[in-house]
């Protein structure tokens, strides 16, 4: 899907995915709210990043609750590494103009 995707669209999508590593769902939410109508590519990727970051946030909450029974302490680093790796994979894919769908993400926003 590289038809009609400008380099600026790709850059915004890359920053949206990478922003999730450092700032959680906030960058994806801001981009989705501001740019979803400007470009179908940006809107779709921001929605995908937002869905994934909300899924990660839910995972962190569950891990913190499970930390009371010591299982969560194993989940916290696993969630962090999965977020890091998948956000980088997403950024690389969208930099090429490809659509990226996160595995295991809850599709809460359509």
PDB file of N, CA and C in Angstrom:
ATOM      1  N   UNK A   1       0.843  -1.188   0.000  1.00  0.00           N
ATOM      2  CA  UNK A   1       0.000   0.000   0.000  1.00  0.00           C
ATOM      3  C   UNK A   1       0.881   1.241   0.000  1.00  0.00           C
ATOM      4  N   UNK A   2       1.645   1.422  -1.017  1.00  0.00           N
ATOM      5  CA  UNK A   2       2.486   2.607  -1.087  1.00  0.00           C
ATOM      6  C   UNK A   2       1.871   3.680  -1.978  1.00  0.00           C
ATOM      7  N   UNK A   3       0.673   3.447  -2.516  1.00  0.00           N
ATOM      8  CA  UNK A   3       0.024   4.422  -3.384  1.00  0.00           C
ATOM      9  C   UNK A   3      -0.501   5.593  -2.570  1.00  0.00           C
ATOM     10  N   UNK A   4      -0.045   6.797  -2.909  1.00  0.00           N
ATOM     11  CA  UNK A   4      -0.546   8.000  -2.272  1.00  0.00           C
ATOM     12  C   UNK A   4       0.004   8.277  -0.890  1.00  0.00           C
ATOM     13  N   UNK A   5       0.987   7.518  -0.470  1.00  0.00           N
ATOM     14  CA  UNK A   5       1.571   7.744   0.856  1.00  0.00           C
ATOM     15  C   UNK A   5       2.802   8.628   0.679  1.00  0.00           C
ATOM     16  N   UNK A   6       2.757   9.785   1.293  1.00  0.00           N
ATOM     17  CA  UNK A   6       3.878  10.721   1.174  1.00  0.00           C
ATOM     18  C   UNK A   6       4.961  10.372   2.202  1.00  0.00           C
ATOM     19  N   UNK A   7       6.168  10.845   1.980  1.00  0.00           N
ATOM     20  CA  UNK A   7       7.214  10.645   3.002  1.00  0.00           C
ATOM     21  C   UNK A   7       6.829  11.241   4.356  1.00  0.00           C
ATOM     22  N   UNK A   8       6.101  12.341   4.347  1.00  0.00           N
ATOM     23  CA  UNK A   8       5.643  12.936   5.602  1.00  0.00           C
ATOM     24  C   UNK A   8       4.676  11.997   6.334  1.00  0.00           C
ATOM     25  N   UNK A   9       3.786  11.340   5.581  1.00  0.00           N
ATOM     26  CA  UNK A   9       2.872  10.360   6.186  1.00  0.00           C
ATOM     27  C   UNK A   9       3.656   9.229   6.848  1.00  0.00           C
ATOM     28  N   UNK A  10       4.676   8.743   6.158  1.00  0.00           N
ATOM     29  CA  UNK A  10       5.509   7.668   6.706  1.00  0.00           C
ATOM     30  C   UNK A  10       6.220   8.119   7.979  1.00  0.00           C
ATOM     31  N   UNK A  11       6.760   9.336   7.963  1.00  0.00           N
ATOM     32  CA  UNK A  11       7.475   9.849   9.140  1.00  0.00           C
ATOM     33  C   UNK A  11       6.549   9.991  10.345  1.00  0.00           C
ATOM     34  N   UNK A  12       5.353  10.503  10.119  1.00  0.00           N
ATOM     35  CA  UNK A  12       4.399  10.641  11.224  1.00  0.00           C
ATOM     36  C   UNK A  12       4.022   9.271  11.772  1.00  0.00           C
ATOM     37  N   UNK A  13       3.814   8.300  10.879  1.00  0.00           N
ATOM     38  CA  UNK A  13       3.466   6.946  11.330  1.00  0.00           C
ATOM     39  C   UNK A  13       4.615   6.313  12.118  1.00  0.00           C
ATOM     40  N   UNK A  14       5.847   6.516  11.659  1.00  0.00           N
ATOM     41  CA  UNK A  14       7.015   5.979  12.378  1.00  0.00           C
ATOM     42  C   UNK A  14       7.091   6.588  13.776  1.00  0.00           C
ATOM     43  N   UNK A  15       6.952   7.897  13.866  1.00  0.00           N
ATOM     44  CA  UNK A  15       7.007   8.560  15.175  1.00  0.00           C
ATOM     45  C   UNK A  15       5.859   8.130  16.086  1.00  0.00           C
ATOM     46  N   UNK A  16       4.715   7.854  15.500  1.00  0.00           N
ATOM     47  CA  UNK A  16       3.571   7.389  16.283  1.00  0.00           C
ATOM     48  C   UNK A  16       3.884   6.046  16.931  1.00  0.00           C
ATOM     49  N   UNK A  17       4.430   5.127  16.154  1.00  0.00           N
ATOM     50  CA  UNK A  17       4.762   3.800  16.701  1.00  0.00           C
ATOM     51  C   UNK A  17       5.907   3.879  17.710  1.00  0.00           C
ATOM     52  N   UNK A  18       6.950   4.626  17.396  1.00  0.00           N
ATOM     53  CA  UNK A  18       8.091   4.731  18.318  1.00  0.00           C
ATOM     54  C   UNK A  18       7.728   5.505  19.577  1.00  0.00           C
ATOM     55  N   UNK A  19       6.805   6.435  19.466  1.00  0.00           N
ATOM     56  CA  UNK A  19       6.367   7.195  20.638  1.00  0.00           C
ATOM     57  C   UNK A  19       5.764   6.313  21.709  1.00  0.00           C
ATOM     58  N   UNK A  20       5.187   5.187  21.296  1.00  0.00           N
ATOM     59  CA  UNK A  20       4.606   4.258  22.260  1.00  0.00           C
ATOM     60  C   UNK A  20       5.627   3.652  23.199  1.00  0.00           C
ATOM     61  N   UNK A  21       6.871   3.548  22.764  1.00  0.00           N
ATOM     62  CA  UNK A  21       7.926   2.993  23.616  1.00  0.00           C
ATOM     63  C   UNK A  21       8.159   3.899  24.816  1.00  0.00           C
ATOM     64  N   UNK A  22       8.151   5.192  24.581  1.00  0.00           N
ATOM     65  CA  UNK A  22       8.514   6.143  25.628  1.00  0.00           C
ATOM     66  C   UNK A  22       7.319   6.776  26.345  1.00  0.00           C
ATOM     67  N   UNK A  23       6.220   6.965  25.632  1.00  0.00           N
ATOM     68  CA  UNK A  23       5.102   7.727  26.201  1.00  0.00           C
ATOM     69  C   UNK A  23       3.782   6.970  26.220  1.00  0.00           C
ATOM     70  N   UNK A  24       3.796   5.676  25.965  1.00  0.00           N
ATOM     71  CA  UNK A  24       2.578   4.883  26.034  1.00  0.00           C
ATOM     72  C   UNK A  24       1.588   5.228  24.927  1.00  0.00           C
ATOM     73  N   UNK A  25       0.331   5.358  25.307  1.00  0.00           N
ATOM     74  CA  UNK A  25      -0.719   5.566  24.319  1.00  0.00           C
ATOM     75  C   UNK A  25      -0.892   7.029  23.899  1.00  0.00           C
ATOM     76  N   UNK A  26      -0.249   7.955  24.581  1.00  0.00           N
ATOM     77  CA  UNK A  26      -0.461   9.389  24.339  1.00  0.00           C
ATOM     78  C   UNK A  26      -0.115   9.812  22.904  1.00  0.00           C
ATOM     79  N   UNK A  27       1.064   9.475  22.344  1.00  0.00           N
ATOM     80  CA  UNK A  27       1.355   9.905  20.970  1.00  0.00           C
ATOM     81  C   UNK A  27       0.359   9.354  19.950  1.00  0.00           C
ATOM     82  N   UNK A  28      -0.002   8.098  20.111  1.00  0.00           N
ATOM     83  CA  UNK A  28      -0.951   7.493  19.170  1.00  0.00           C
ATOM     84  C   UNK A  28      -2.315   8.161  19.268  1.00  0.00           C
ATOM     85  N   UNK A  29      -2.739   8.487  20.486  1.00  0.00           N
ATOM     86  CA  UNK A  29      -4.028   9.153  20.670  1.00  0.00           C
ATOM     87  C   UNK A  29      -4.022  10.540  20.039  1.00  0.00           C
ATOM     88  N   UNK A  30      -2.956  11.299  20.259  1.00  0.00           N
ATOM     89  CA  UNK A  30      -2.866  12.654  19.710  1.00  0.00           C
ATOM     90  C   UNK A  30      -2.853  12.604  18.183  1.00  0.00           C
ATOM     91  N   UNK A  31      -2.031  11.732  17.610  1.00  0.00           N
ATOM     92  CA  UNK A  31      -1.963  11.636  16.147  1.00  0.00           C
ATOM     93  C   UNK A  31      -3.291  11.168  15.586  1.00  0.00           C
ATOM     94  N   UNK A  32      -3.912  10.192  16.210  1.00  0.00           N
ATOM     95  CA  UNK A  32      -5.183   9.678  15.717  1.00  0.00           C
ATOM     96  C   UNK A  32      -6.250  10.767  15.748  1.00  0.00           C
ATOM     97  N   UNK A  33      -6.324  11.524  16.829  1.00  0.00           N
ATOM     98  CA  UNK A  33      -7.330  12.579  16.919  1.00  0.00           C
ATOM     99  C   UNK A  33      -7.073  13.713  15.928  1.00  0.00           C
ATOM    100  N   UNK A  34      -5.800  14.056  15.706  1.00  0.00           N
ATOM    101  CA  UNK A  34      -5.482  15.200  14.850  1.00  0.00           C
ATOM    102  C   UNK A  34      -5.357  14.857  13.367  1.00  0.00           C
ATOM    103  N   UNK A  35      -4.924  13.653  13.038  1.00  0.00           N
ATOM    104  CA  UNK A  35      -4.576  13.336  11.651  1.00  0.00           C
ATOM    105  C   UNK A  35      -5.408  12.234  11.010  1.00  0.00           C
ATOM    106  N   UNK A  36      -6.386  11.671  11.720  1.00  0.00           N
ATOM    107  CA  UNK A  36      -7.112  10.524  11.175  1.00  0.00           C
ATOM    108  C   UNK A  36      -7.867  10.848   9.893  1.00  0.00           C
ATOM    109  N   UNK A  37      -8.292  12.093   9.724  1.00  0.00           N
ATOM    110  CA  UNK A  37      -9.028  12.471   8.528  1.00  0.00           C
ATOM    111  C   UNK A  37      -8.125  12.979   7.409  1.00  0.00           C
ATOM    112  N   UNK A  38      -6.863  13.268   7.708  1.00  0.00           N
ATOM    113  CA  UNK A  38      -5.937  13.797   6.702  1.00  0.00           C
ATOM    114  C   UNK A  38      -5.421  12.711   5.763  1.00  0.00           C
ATOM    115  N   UNK A  39      -5.141  11.553   6.304  1.00  0.00           N
ATOM    116  CA  UNK A  39      -4.552  10.475   5.516  1.00  0.00           C
ATOM    117  C   UNK A  39      -5.067   9.132   6.043  1.00  0.00           C
ATOM    118  N   UNK A  40      -5.590   8.287   5.154  1.00  0.00           N
ATOM    119  CA  UNK A  40      -6.025   6.960   5.611  1.00  0.00           C
ATOM    120  C   UNK A  40      -4.885   6.135   6.205  1.00  0.00           C
ATOM    121  N   UNK A  41      -3.678   6.317   5.660  1.00  0.00           N
ATOM    122  CA  UNK A  41      -2.509   5.577   6.159  1.00  0.00           C
ATOM    123  C   UNK A  41      -2.184   5.999   7.591  1.00  0.00           C
ATOM    124  N   UNK A  42      -2.096   7.302   7.831  1.00  0.00           N
ATOM    125  CA  UNK A  42      -1.793   7.793   9.179  1.00  0.00           C
ATOM    126  C   UNK A  42      -2.902   7.407  10.143  1.00  0.00           C
ATOM    127  N   UNK A  43      -4.145   7.580   9.724  1.00  0.00           N
ATOM    128  CA  UNK A  43      -5.271   7.234  10.588  1.00  0.00           C
ATOM    129  C   UNK A  43      -5.271   5.764  10.978  1.00  0.00           C
ATOM    130  N   UNK A  44      -5.026   4.905  10.004  1.00  0.00           N
ATOM    131  CA  UNK A  44      -5.003   3.464  10.281  1.00  0.00           C
ATOM    132  C   UNK A  44      -3.858   3.055  11.188  1.00  0.00           C
ATOM    133  N   UNK A  45      -2.680   3.612  10.944  1.00  0.00           N
ATOM    134  CA  UNK A  45      -1.524   3.257  11.760  1.00  0.00           C
ATOM    135  C   UNK A  45      -1.619   3.847  13.166  1.00  0.00           C
ATOM    136  N   UNK A  46      -2.167   5.052  13.286  1.00  0.00           N
ATOM    137  CA  UNK A  46      -2.352   5.639  14.615  1.00  0.00           C
ATOM    138  C   UNK A  46      -3.368   4.833  15.406  1.00  0.00           C
ATOM    139  N   UNK A  47      -4.438   4.390  14.751  1.00  0.00           N
ATOM    140  CA  UNK A  47      -5.442   3.553  15.415  1.00  0.00           C
ATOM    141  C   UNK A  47      -4.825   2.224  15.853  1.00  0.00           C
ATOM    142  N   UNK A  48      -4.017   1.636  14.980  1.00  0.00           N
ATOM    143  CA  UNK A  48      -3.352   0.373  15.311  1.00  0.00           C
ATOM    144  C   UNK A  48      -2.405   0.548  16.496  1.00  0.00           C
ATOM    145  N   UNK A  49      -1.612   1.627  16.491  1.00  0.00           N
ATOM    146  CA  UNK A  49      -0.695   1.898  17.597  1.00  0.00           C
ATOM    147  C   UNK A  49      -1.466   2.167  18.885  1.00  0.00           C
ATOM    148  N   UNK A  50      -2.570   2.890  18.792  1.00  0.00           N
ATOM    149  CA  UNK A  50      -3.384   3.181  19.973  1.00  0.00           C
ATOM    150  C   UNK A  50      -3.972   1.906  20.557  1.00  0.00           C
ATOM    151  N   UNK A  51      -4.512   1.043  19.705  1.00  0.00           N
ATOM    152  CA  UNK A  51      -5.045  -0.236  20.183  1.00  0.00           C
ATOM    153  C   UNK A  51      -3.968  -1.059  20.882  1.00  0.00           C
ATOM    154  N   UNK A  52      -2.777  -1.090  20.307  1.00  0.00           N
ATOM    155  CA  UNK A  52      -1.699  -1.868  20.912  1.00  0.00           C
ATOM    156  C   UNK A  52      -1.251  -1.278  22.243  1.00  0.00           C
ATOM    157  N   UNK A  53      -1.109   0.030  22.305  1.00  0.00           N
ATOM    158  CA  UNK A  53      -0.647   0.649  23.550  1.00  0.00           C
ATOM    159  C   UNK A  53      -1.687   0.527  24.660  1.00  0.00           C
ATOM    160  N   UNK A  54      -2.964   0.533  24.315  1.00  0.00           N
ATOM    161  CA  UNK A  54      -3.994   0.279  25.328  1.00  0.00           C
ATOM    162  C   UNK A  54      -3.895  -1.169  25.797  1.00  0.00           C
ATOM    163  N   UNK A  55      -3.630  -2.084  24.886  1.00  0.00           N
ATOM    164  CA  UNK A  55      -3.431  -3.490  25.256  1.00  0.00           C
ATOM    165  C   UNK A  55      -2.229  -3.637  26.188  1.00  0.00           C
ATOM    166  N   UNK A  56      -1.144  -2.946  25.889  1.00  0.00           N
ATOM    167  CA  UNK A  56       0.054  -2.977  26.739  1.00  0.00           C
ATOM    168  C   UNK A  56      -0.274  -2.412  28.123  1.00  0.00           C
ATOM    169  N   UNK A  57      -1.014  -1.324  28.172  1.00  0.00           N
ATOM    170  CA  UNK A  57      -1.401  -0.729  29.451  1.00  0.00           C
ATOM    171  C   UNK A  57      -2.227  -1.712  30.280  1.00  0.00           C
ATOM    172  N   UNK A  58      -3.168  -2.386  29.646  1.00  0.00           N
ATOM    173  CA  UNK A  58      -3.956  -3.410  30.349  1.00  0.00           C
ATOM    174  C   UNK A  58      -3.044  -4.521  30.852  1.00  0.00           C
ATOM    175  N   UNK A  59      -2.066  -4.923  30.029  1.00  0.00           N
ATOM    176  CA  UNK A  59      -1.105  -5.952  30.445  1.00  0.00           C
ATOM    177  C   UNK A  59      -0.310  -5.520  31.658  1.00  0.00           C
ATOM    178  N   UNK A  60       0.123  -4.256  31.686  1.00  0.00           N
ATOM    179  CA  UNK A  60       0.862  -3.744  32.848  1.00  0.00           C
ATOM    180  C   UNK A  60      -0.005  -3.739  34.102  1.00  0.00           C
ATOM    181  N   UNK A  61      -1.251  -3.348  33.979  1.00  0.00           N
ATOM    182  CA  UNK A  61      -2.149  -3.336  35.138  1.00  0.00           C
ATOM    183  C   UNK A  61      -2.343  -4.757  35.673  1.00  0.00           C
ATOM    184  N   UNK A  62      -2.574  -5.698  34.776  1.00  0.00           N
ATOM    185  CA  UNK A  62      -2.741  -7.096  35.199  1.00  0.00           C
ATOM    186  C   UNK A  62      -1.457  -7.610  35.850  1.00  0.00           C
ATOM    187  N   UNK A  63      -0.301  -7.272  35.277  1.00  0.00           N
ATOM    188  CA  UNK A  63       0.970  -7.722  35.850  1.00  0.00           C
ATOM    189  C   UNK A  63       1.186  -7.135  37.237  1.00  0.00           C
ATOM    190  N   UNK A  64       0.825  -5.862  37.436  1.00  0.00           N
ATOM    191  CA  UNK A  64       0.981  -5.258  38.763  1.00  0.00           C
ATOM    192  C   UNK A  64       0.066  -5.933  39.775  1.00  0.00           C
ATOM    193  N   UNK A  65      -1.139  -6.264  39.366  1.00  0.00           N
ATOM    194  CA  UNK A  65      -2.045  -6.980  40.272  1.00  0.00           C
ATOM    195  C   UNK A  65      -1.469  -8.355  40.598  1.00  0.00           C
ATOM    196  N   UNK A  66      -0.946  -9.035  39.593  1.00  0.00           N
ATOM    197  CA  UNK A  66      -0.367 -10.362  39.818  1.00  0.00           C
ATOM    198  C   UNK A  66       0.973 -10.301  40.552  1.00  0.00           C
ATOM    199  N   UNK A  67       1.551  -9.128  40.659  1.00  0.00           N
ATOM    200  CA  UNK A  67       2.808  -9.002  41.399  1.00  0.00           C
ATOM    201  C   UNK A  67       2.607  -9.341  42.874  1.00  0.00           C
ATOM    202  N   UNK A  68       1.382  -9.219  43.352  1.00  0.00           N
ATOM    203  CA  UNK A  68       1.101  -9.582  44.745  1.00  0.00           C
ATOM    204  C   UNK A  68       1.283 -11.070  44.986  1.00  0.00           C
ATOM    205  N   UNK A  69       1.178 -11.861  43.924  1.00  0.00           N
ATOM    206  CA  UNK A  69       1.423 -13.299  44.060  1.00  0.00           C
ATOM    207  C   UNK A  69       2.707 -13.700  43.327  1.00  0.00           C
ATOM    208  N   UNK A  70       3.549 -12.723  43.065  1.00  0.00           N
ATOM    209  CA  UNK A  70       4.901 -12.881  42.518  1.00  0.00           C
ATOM    210  C   UNK A  70       4.965 -13.311  41.055  1.00  0.00           C
ATOM    211  N   UNK A  71       3.849 -13.567  40.422  1.00  0.00           N
ATOM    212  CA  UNK A  71       3.870 -13.925  38.998  1.00  0.00           C
ATOM    213  C   UNK A  71       4.083 -12.671  38.150  1.00  0.00           C
ATOM    214  N   UNK A  72       3.530 -11.560  38.582  1.00  0.00           N
ATOM    215  CA  UNK A  72       3.610 -10.324  37.820  1.00  0.00           C
ATOM    216  C   UNK A  72       5.020  -9.821  37.610  1.00  0.00           C
ATOM    217  N   UNK A  73       5.910 -10.127  38.532  1.00  0.00           N
ATOM    218  CA  UNK A  73       7.291  -9.678  38.381  1.00  0.00           C
ATOM    219  C   UNK A  73       7.970 -10.318  37.172  1.00  0.00           C
ATOM    220  N   UNK A  74       7.482 -11.476  36.753  1.00  0.00           N
ATOM    221  CA  UNK A  74       7.995 -12.111  35.544  1.00  0.00           C
ATOM    222  C   UNK A  74       7.347 -11.522  34.293  1.00  0.00           C
ATOM    223  N   UNK A  75       6.103 -11.086  34.427  1.00  0.00           N
ATOM    224  CA  UNK A  75       5.384 -10.541  33.286  1.00  0.00           C
ATOM    225  C   UNK A  75       5.823  -9.126  32.917  1.00  0.00           C
ATOM    226  N   UNK A  76       6.176  -8.316  33.911  1.00  0.00           N
ATOM    227  CA  UNK A  76       6.532  -6.919  33.634  1.00  0.00           C
ATOM    228  C   UNK A  76       7.675  -6.780  32.628  1.00  0.00           C
ATOM    229  N   UNK A  77       8.800  -7.482  32.805  1.00  0.00           N
ATOM    230  CA  UNK A  77       9.856  -7.351  31.796  1.00  0.00           C
ATOM    231  C   UNK A  77       9.458  -7.934  30.445  1.00  0.00           C
ATOM    232  N   UNK A  78       8.649  -8.989  30.453  1.00  0.00           N
ATOM    233  CA  UNK A  78       8.207  -9.589  29.190  1.00  0.00           C
ATOM    234  C   UNK A  78       7.327  -8.614  28.404  1.00  0.00           C
ATOM    235  N   UNK A  79       6.455  -7.908  29.098  1.00  0.00           N
ATOM    236  CA  UNK A  79       5.602  -6.918  28.439  1.00  0.00           C
ATOM    237  C   UNK A  79       6.451  -5.780  27.898  1.00  0.00           C
ATOM    238  N   UNK A  80       7.430  -5.325  28.672  1.00  0.00           N
ATOM    239  CA  UNK A  80       8.309  -4.240  28.229  1.00  0.00           C
ATOM    240  C   UNK A  80       9.069  -4.627  26.960  1.00  0.00           C
ATOM    241  N   UNK A  81       9.653  -5.811  26.956  1.00  0.00           N
ATOM    242  CA  UNK A  81      10.435  -6.263  25.795  1.00  0.00           C
ATOM    243  C   UNK A  81       9.525  -6.440  24.576  1.00  0.00           C
ATOM    244  N   UNK A  82       8.339  -7.010  24.780  1.00  0.00           N
ATOM    245  CA  UNK A  82       7.402  -7.185  23.670  1.00  0.00           C
ATOM    246  C   UNK A  82       6.996  -5.827  23.093  1.00  0.00           C
ATOM    247  N   UNK A  83       6.729  -4.848  23.947  1.00  0.00           N
ATOM    248  CA  UNK A  83       6.382  -3.507  23.491  1.00  0.00           C
ATOM    249  C   UNK A  83       7.525  -2.904  22.687  1.00  0.00           C
ATOM    250  N   UNK A  84       8.732  -3.015  23.196  1.00  0.00           N
ATOM    251  CA  UNK A  84       9.911  -2.466  22.522  1.00  0.00           C
ATOM    252  C   UNK A  84      10.100  -3.091  21.141  1.00  0.00           C
ATOM    253  N   UNK A  85      10.104  -4.402  21.088  1.00  0.00           N
ATOM    254  CA  UNK A  85      10.364  -5.112  19.832  1.00  0.00           C
ATOM    255  C   UNK A  85       9.255  -4.858  18.815  1.00  0.00           C
ATOM    256  N   UNK A  86       8.010  -4.964  19.241  1.00  0.00           N
ATOM    257  CA  UNK A  86       6.908  -4.802  18.296  1.00  0.00           C
ATOM    258  C   UNK A  86       6.775  -3.369  17.797  1.00  0.00           C
ATOM    259  N   UNK A  87       7.065  -2.395  18.642  1.00  0.00           N
ATOM    260  CA  UNK A  87       7.029  -0.996  18.188  1.00  0.00           C
ATOM    261  C   UNK A  87       8.123  -0.726  17.164  1.00  0.00           C
ATOM    262  N   UNK A  88       9.289  -1.311  17.353  1.00  0.00           N
ATOM    263  CA  UNK A  88      10.373  -1.145  16.382  1.00  0.00           C
ATOM    264  C   UNK A  88      10.019  -1.837  15.068  1.00  0.00           C
ATOM    265  N   UNK A  89       9.462  -3.040  15.135  1.00  0.00           N
ATOM    266  CA  UNK A  89       9.039  -3.730  13.917  1.00  0.00           C
ATOM    267  C   UNK A  89       7.980  -2.929  13.171  1.00  0.00           C
ATOM    268  N   UNK A  90       7.054  -2.343  13.913  1.00  0.00           N
ATOM    269  CA  UNK A  90       6.010  -1.523  13.297  1.00  0.00           C
ATOM    270  C   UNK A  90       6.608  -0.293  12.631  1.00  0.00           C
ATOM    271  N   UNK A  91       7.548   0.350  13.299  1.00  0.00           N
ATOM    272  CA  UNK A  91       8.178   1.546  12.743  1.00  0.00           C
ATOM    273  C   UNK A  91       8.933   1.222  11.454  1.00  0.00           C
ATOM    274  N   UNK A  92       9.618   0.100  11.427  1.00  0.00           N
ATOM    275  CA  UNK A  92      10.348  -0.297  10.220  1.00  0.00           C
ATOM    276  C   UNK A  92       9.371  -0.571   9.081  1.00  0.00           C
ATOM    277  N   UNK A  93       8.278  -1.263   9.379  1.00  0.00           N
ATOM    278  CA  UNK A  93       7.298  -1.590   8.337  1.00  0.00           C
ATOM    279  C   UNK A  93       6.655  -0.328   7.766  1.00  0.00           C
ATOM    280  N   UNK A  94       6.227   0.585   8.630  1.00  0.00           N
ATOM    281  CA  UNK A  94       5.552   1.783   8.115  1.00  0.00           C
ATOM    282  C   UNK A  94       6.534   2.727   7.426  1.00  0.00           C
ATOM    283  N   UNK A  95       7.810   2.666   7.769  1.00  0.00           N
ATOM    284  CA  UNK A  95       8.791   3.501   7.063  1.00  0.00           C
ATOM    285  C   UNK A  95       8.919   3.074   5.609  1.00  0.00           C
ATOM    286  N   UNK A  96       8.545   1.836   5.318  1.00  0.00           N
ATOM    287  CA  UNK A  96       8.541   1.326   3.943  1.00  0.00           C
ATOM    288  C   UNK A  96       7.192   1.544   3.252  1.00  0.00           C
ATOM    289  N   UNK A  97       6.237   2.099   3.998  1.00  0.00           N
ATOM    290  CA  UNK A  97       4.909   2.333   3.430  1.00  0.00           C
ATOM    291  C   UNK A  97       3.972   1.155   3.564  1.00  0.00           C
ATOM    292  N   UNK A  98       4.339   0.162   4.361  1.00  0.00           N
ATOM    293  CA  UNK A  98       3.507  -1.024   4.550  1.00  0.00           C
ATOM    294  C   UNK A  98       2.563  -0.820   5.731  1.00  0.00           C
ATOM    295  N   UNK A  99       1.399  -1.438   5.649  1.00  0.00           N
ATOM    296  CA  UNK A  99       0.508  -1.458   6.813  1.00  0.00           C
ATOM    297  C   UNK A  99       1.064  -2.444   7.818  1.00  0.00           C
ATOM    298  N   UNK A 100       0.952  -2.128   9.091  1.00  0.00           N
ATOM    299  CA  UNK A 100       1.422  -3.044  10.133  1.00  0.00           C
ATOM    300  C   UNK A 100       0.286  -3.318  11.095  1.00  0.00           C
ATOM    301  N   UNK A 101       0.085  -4.586  11.409  1.00  0.00           N
ATOM    302  CA  UNK A 101      -0.912  -4.985  12.404  1.00  0.00           C
ATOM    303  C   UNK A 101      -0.172  -5.693  13.537  1.00  0.00           C
ATOM    304  N   UNK A 102      -0.368  -5.176  14.746  1.00  0.00           N
ATOM    305  CA  UNK A 102       0.273  -5.785  15.909  1.00  0.00           C
ATOM    306  C   UNK A 102      -0.385  -7.118  16.224  1.00  0.00           C
ATOM    307  N   UNK A 103       0.422  -8.140  16.500  1.00  0.00           N
ATOM    308  CA  UNK A 103      -0.171  -9.391  16.971  1.00  0.00           C
ATOM    309  C   UNK A 103      -0.613  -9.230  18.424  1.00  0.00           C
ATOM    310  N   UNK A 104      -1.641  -9.900  18.804  1.00  0.00           N
ATOM    311  CA  UNK A 104      -2.161  -9.942  20.174  1.00  0.00           C
ATOM    312  C   UNK A 104      -2.767  -8.623  20.660  1.00  0.00           C
ATOM    313  N   UNK A 105      -2.944  -7.656  19.782  1.00  0.00           N
ATOM    314  CA  UNK A 105      -3.527  -6.377  20.212  1.00  0.00           C
ATOM    315  C   UNK A 105      -5.039  -6.493  20.218  1.00  0.00           C
ATOM    316  N   UNK A 106      -5.642  -5.938  21.258  1.00  0.00           N
ATOM    317  CA  UNK A 106      -7.099  -5.859  21.305  1.00  0.00           C
ATOM    318  C   UNK A 106      -7.548  -4.763  20.355  1.00  0.00           C
ATOM    319  N   UNK A 107      -8.503  -5.044  19.524  1.00  0.00           N
ATOM    320  CA  UNK A 107      -9.011  -4.065  18.562  1.00  0.00           C
ATOM    321  C   UNK A 107     -10.184  -3.322  19.196  1.00  0.00           C
ATOM    322  N   UNK A 108      -9.879  -2.384  20.074  1.00  0.00           N
ATOM    323  CA  UNK A 108     -10.898  -1.659  20.811  1.00  0.00           C
ATOM    324  C   UNK A 108     -11.427  -0.452  20.041  1.00  0.00           C
ATOM    325  N   UNK A 109     -10.586   0.165  19.241  1.00  0.00           N
ATOM    326  CA  UNK A 109     -10.968   1.340  18.465  1.00  0.00           C
ATOM    327  C   UNK A 109     -10.999   0.944  16.992  1.00  0.00           C
ATOM    328  N   UNK A 110     -12.134   1.159  16.373  1.00  0.00           N
ATOM    329  CA  UNK A 110     -12.277   0.769  14.949  1.00  0.00           C
ATOM    330  C   UNK A 110     -12.284   1.958  14.049  1.00  0.00           C
TER     331      UNK A 110
END
